[in-house]
C-alpha atoms as a PDB file:
ATOM      1  CA  UNK A   1      21.977   0.860  34.808  1.00  0.00           C
ATOM      2  CA  UNK A   2      25.993   0.708  37.024  1.00  0.00           C
ATOM      3  CA  UNK A   3      25.545   1.579  40.238  1.00  0.00           C
ATOM      4  CA  UNK A   4      27.947   3.399  42.337  1.00  0.00           C
ATOM      5  CA  UNK A   5      30.674   1.009  42.514  1.00  0.00           C
ATOM      6  CA  UNK A   6      31.169   1.325  38.196  1.00  0.00           C
ATOM      7  CA  UNK A   7      34.289   3.368  38.243  1.00  0.00           C
ATOM      8  CA  UNK A   8      36.064   0.771  41.385  1.00  0.00           C
ATOM      9  CA  UNK A   9      34.402  -2.349  38.233  1.00  0.00           C
ATOM     10  CA  UNK A  10      36.061  -1.112  35.616  1.00  0.00           C
ATOM     11  CA  UNK A  11      39.044  -0.297  37.570  1.00  0.00           C
ATOM     12  CA  UNK A  12      39.311  -4.199  39.140  1.00  0.00           C
ATOM     13  CA  UNK A  13      38.222  -5.618  35.535  1.00  0.00           C
ATOM     14  CA  UNK A  14      41.342  -4.004  33.887  1.00  0.00           C
ATOM     15  CA  UNK A  15      43.741  -4.961  36.477  1.00  0.00           C
ATOM     16  CA  UNK A  16      43.112  -8.682  36.186  1.00  0.00           C
ATOM     17  CA  UNK A  17      43.537  -8.207  32.707  1.00  0.00           C
ATOM     18  CA  UNK A  18      46.484  -7.298  33.134  1.00  0.00           C
ATOM     19  CA  UNK A  19      47.290 -10.023  36.123  1.00  0.00           C
ATOM     20  CA  UNK A  20      46.338 -12.586  33.633  1.00  0.00           C
ATOM     21  CA  UNK A  21      48.809 -11.488  30.817  1.00  0.00           C
ATOM     22  CA  UNK A  22      51.656 -11.276  32.938  1.00  0.00           C
ATOM     23  CA  UNK A  23      51.202 -14.152  36.162  1.00  0.00           C
ATOM     24  CA  UNK A  24      50.292 -17.041  33.262  1.00  0.00           C
ATOM     25  CA  UNK A  25      53.976 -17.719  32.051  1.00  0.00           C
ATOM     26  CA  UNK A  26      57.578 -15.979  30.754  1.00  0.00           C
ATOM     27  CA  UNK A  27      59.703 -13.508  31.868  1.00  0.00           C
ATOM     28  CA  UNK A  28      57.301 -11.103  33.646  1.00  0.00           C
ATOM     29  CA  UNK A  29      55.538 -13.626  35.625  1.00  0.00           C
ATOM     30  CA  UNK A  30      54.504 -12.185  39.712  1.00  0.00           C
ATOM     31  CA  UNK A  31      54.296  -8.576  38.177  1.00  0.00           C
ATOM     32  CA  UNK A  32      51.961  -6.586  41.087  1.00  0.00           C
ATOM     33  CA  UNK A  33      49.298  -4.336  39.217  1.00  0.00           C
ATOM     34  CA  UNK A  34      48.803  -1.798  41.355  1.00  0.00           C
ATOM     35  CA  UNK A  35      46.248   0.553  41.069  1.00  0.00           C
ATOM     36  CA  UNK A  36      47.838   3.050  42.831  1.00  0.00           C
ATOM     37  CA  UNK A  37      50.026   5.995  41.428  1.00  0.00           C
ATOM     38  CA  UNK A  38      53.437   5.709  40.609  1.00  0.00           C
ATOM     39  CA  UNK A  39      54.195   8.675  43.444  1.00  0.00           C
ATOM     40  CA  UNK A  40      52.112   6.415  45.943  1.00  0.00           C
ATOM     41  CA  UNK A  41      54.188   3.087  44.615  1.00  0.00           C
ATOM     42  CA  UNK A  42      57.440   4.733  44.502  1.00  0.00           C
ATOM     43  CA  UNK A  43      60.989   2.718  43.077  1.00  0.00           C
ATOM     44  CA  UNK A  44      60.481  -1.384  43.673  1.00  0.00           C
ATOM     45  CA  UNK A  45      62.888  -3.013  45.511  1.00  0.00           C
ATOM     46  CA  UNK A  46      65.683  -4.857  43.188  1.00  0.00           C
ATOM     47  CA  UNK A  47      64.155  -7.411  41.119  1.00  0.00           C
ATOM     48  CA  UNK A  48      59.990  -6.896  41.847  1.00  0.00           C
ATOM     49  CA  UNK A  49      58.130  -5.619  38.629  1.00  0.00           C
ATOM     50  CA  UNK A  50      55.429  -3.998  39.456  1.00  0.00           C
ATOM     51  CA  UNK A  51      52.910  -1.942  37.074  1.00  0.00           C
ATOM     52  CA  UNK A  52      50.840   0.995  37.833  1.00  0.00           C
ATOM     53  CA  UNK A  53      47.255   1.217  36.463  1.00  0.00           C
ATOM     54  CA  UNK A  54      46.040   4.712  37.395  1.00  0.00           C
ATOM     55  CA  UNK A  55      43.003   6.123  37.428  1.00  0.00           C
ATOM     56  CA  UNK A  56      43.645   9.914  37.467  1.00  0.00           C
ATOM     57  CA  UNK A  57      40.786  11.403  35.497  1.00  0.00           C
ATOM     58  CA  UNK A  58      37.246  10.819  34.938  1.00  0.00           C
ATOM     59  CA  UNK A  59      35.071  13.342  32.453  1.00  0.00           C
ATOM     60  CA  UNK A  60      32.003  13.215  31.150  1.00  0.00           C
ATOM     61  CA  UNK A  61      31.234  12.149  27.579  1.00  0.00           C
ATOM     62  CA  UNK A  62      30.145  15.074  26.239  1.00  0.00           C
ATOM     63  CA  UNK A  63      28.101  13.936  23.571  1.00  0.00           C
ATOM     64  CA  UNK A  64      25.912  12.180  25.318  1.00  0.00           C
ATOM     65  CA  UNK A  65      24.683  15.143  27.595  1.00  0.00           C
ATOM     66  CA  UNK A  66      21.351  15.887  26.222  1.00  0.00           C
ATOM     67  CA  UNK A  67      20.554  12.235  25.970  1.00  0.00           C
ATOM     68  CA  UNK A  68      16.462  11.591  26.058  1.00  0.00           C
ATOM     69  CA  UNK A  69      15.103   9.701  29.045  1.00  0.00           C
ATOM     70  CA  UNK A  70      13.747   6.349  27.855  1.00  0.00           C
ATOM     71  CA  UNK A  71      10.126   5.484  28.200  1.00  0.00           C
ATOM     72  CA  UNK A  72       9.289   1.663  29.030  1.00  0.00           C
ATOM     73  CA  UNK A  73       6.515  -0.023  28.481  1.00  0.00           C
ATOM     74  CA  UNK A  74       5.046   0.317  32.276  1.00  0.00           C
ATOM     75  CA  UNK A  75       5.011   4.390  31.875  1.00  0.00           C
ATOM     76  CA  UNK A  76       7.991   4.840  33.255  1.00  0.00           C
ATOM     77  CA  UNK A  77      10.624   6.907  32.502  1.00  0.00           C
ATOM     78  CA  UNK A  78      14.449   6.194  32.720  1.00  0.00           C
ATOM     79  CA  UNK A  79      16.814   8.459  32.638  1.00  0.00           C
ATOM     80  CA  UNK A  80      19.597   8.121  30.550  1.00  0.00           C
ATOM     81  CA  UNK A  81      22.926   6.975  32.328  1.00  0.00           C
ATOM     82  CA  UNK A  82      25.148   8.892  33.455  1.00  0.00           C
ATOM     83  CA  UNK A  83      28.148   9.091  30.738  1.00  0.00           C
ATOM     84  CA  UNK A  84      31.600   9.087  31.909  1.00  0.00           C
ATOM     85  CA  UNK A  85      34.979   8.384  29.707  1.00  0.00           C
ATOM     86  CA  UNK A  86      37.812   7.305  32.546  1.00  0.00           C
ATOM     87  CA  UNK A  87      41.576   8.191  32.020  1.00  0.00           C
ATOM     88  CA  UNK A  88      43.967   5.754  33.255  1.00  0.00           C
ATOM     89  CA  UNK A  89      47.713   5.696  33.475  1.00  0.00           C
ATOM     90  CA  UNK A  90      49.701   2.451  32.745  1.00  0.00           C
ATOM     91  CA  UNK A  91      53.643   3.058  33.794  1.00  0.00           C
ATOM     92  CA  UNK A  92      55.244   0.084  34.231  1.00  0.00           C
ATOM     93  CA  UNK A  93      57.698   0.351  37.114  1.00  0.00           C
ATOM     94  CA  UNK A  94      61.400  -1.081  38.011  1.00  0.00           C
ATOM     95  CA  UNK A  95      64.714  -1.240  39.699  1.00  0.00           C
ATOM     96  CA  UNK A  96      66.034  -2.184  35.918  1.00  0.00           C
ATOM     97  CA  UNK A  97      65.403   0.116  33.082  1.00  0.00           C
ATOM     98  CA  UNK A  98      65.153  -2.643  30.292  1.00  0.00           C
ATOM     99  CA  UNK A  99      63.378  -4.645  31.927  1.00  0.00           C
ATOM    100  CA  UNK A 100      60.608  -1.179  32.817  1.00  0.00           C
ATOM    101  CA  UNK A 101      60.903  -0.531  28.559  1.00  0.00           C
ATOM    102  CA  UNK A 102      59.543  -4.569  28.578  1.00  0.00           C
ATOM    103  CA  UNK A 103      57.060  -4.659  30.593  1.00  0.00           C
ATOM    104  CA  UNK A 104      55.745  -1.806  29.019  1.00  0.00           C
END
């Protein structure tokens, strides 16, 4: 069962995945992946490429709200986990509009 850091761990895993795609090779070598909102980041400097990976909504996954607890072999009752759906907004940011579209 995940602890209180689970949401941030998901965000960091997605950030690492995007970084690995951008930083290994290609025309977007060195692109930064930031967890802040596009509004907080603003317009990047000329020549800088940035991707905003912003968690904008956390929603309960309603289909599992009434899941029953499980009974372990030792007799302990384990409550059902809190199921969440995480919604991310992925926004490419660049001073050049063509580069922004290519990033996407």
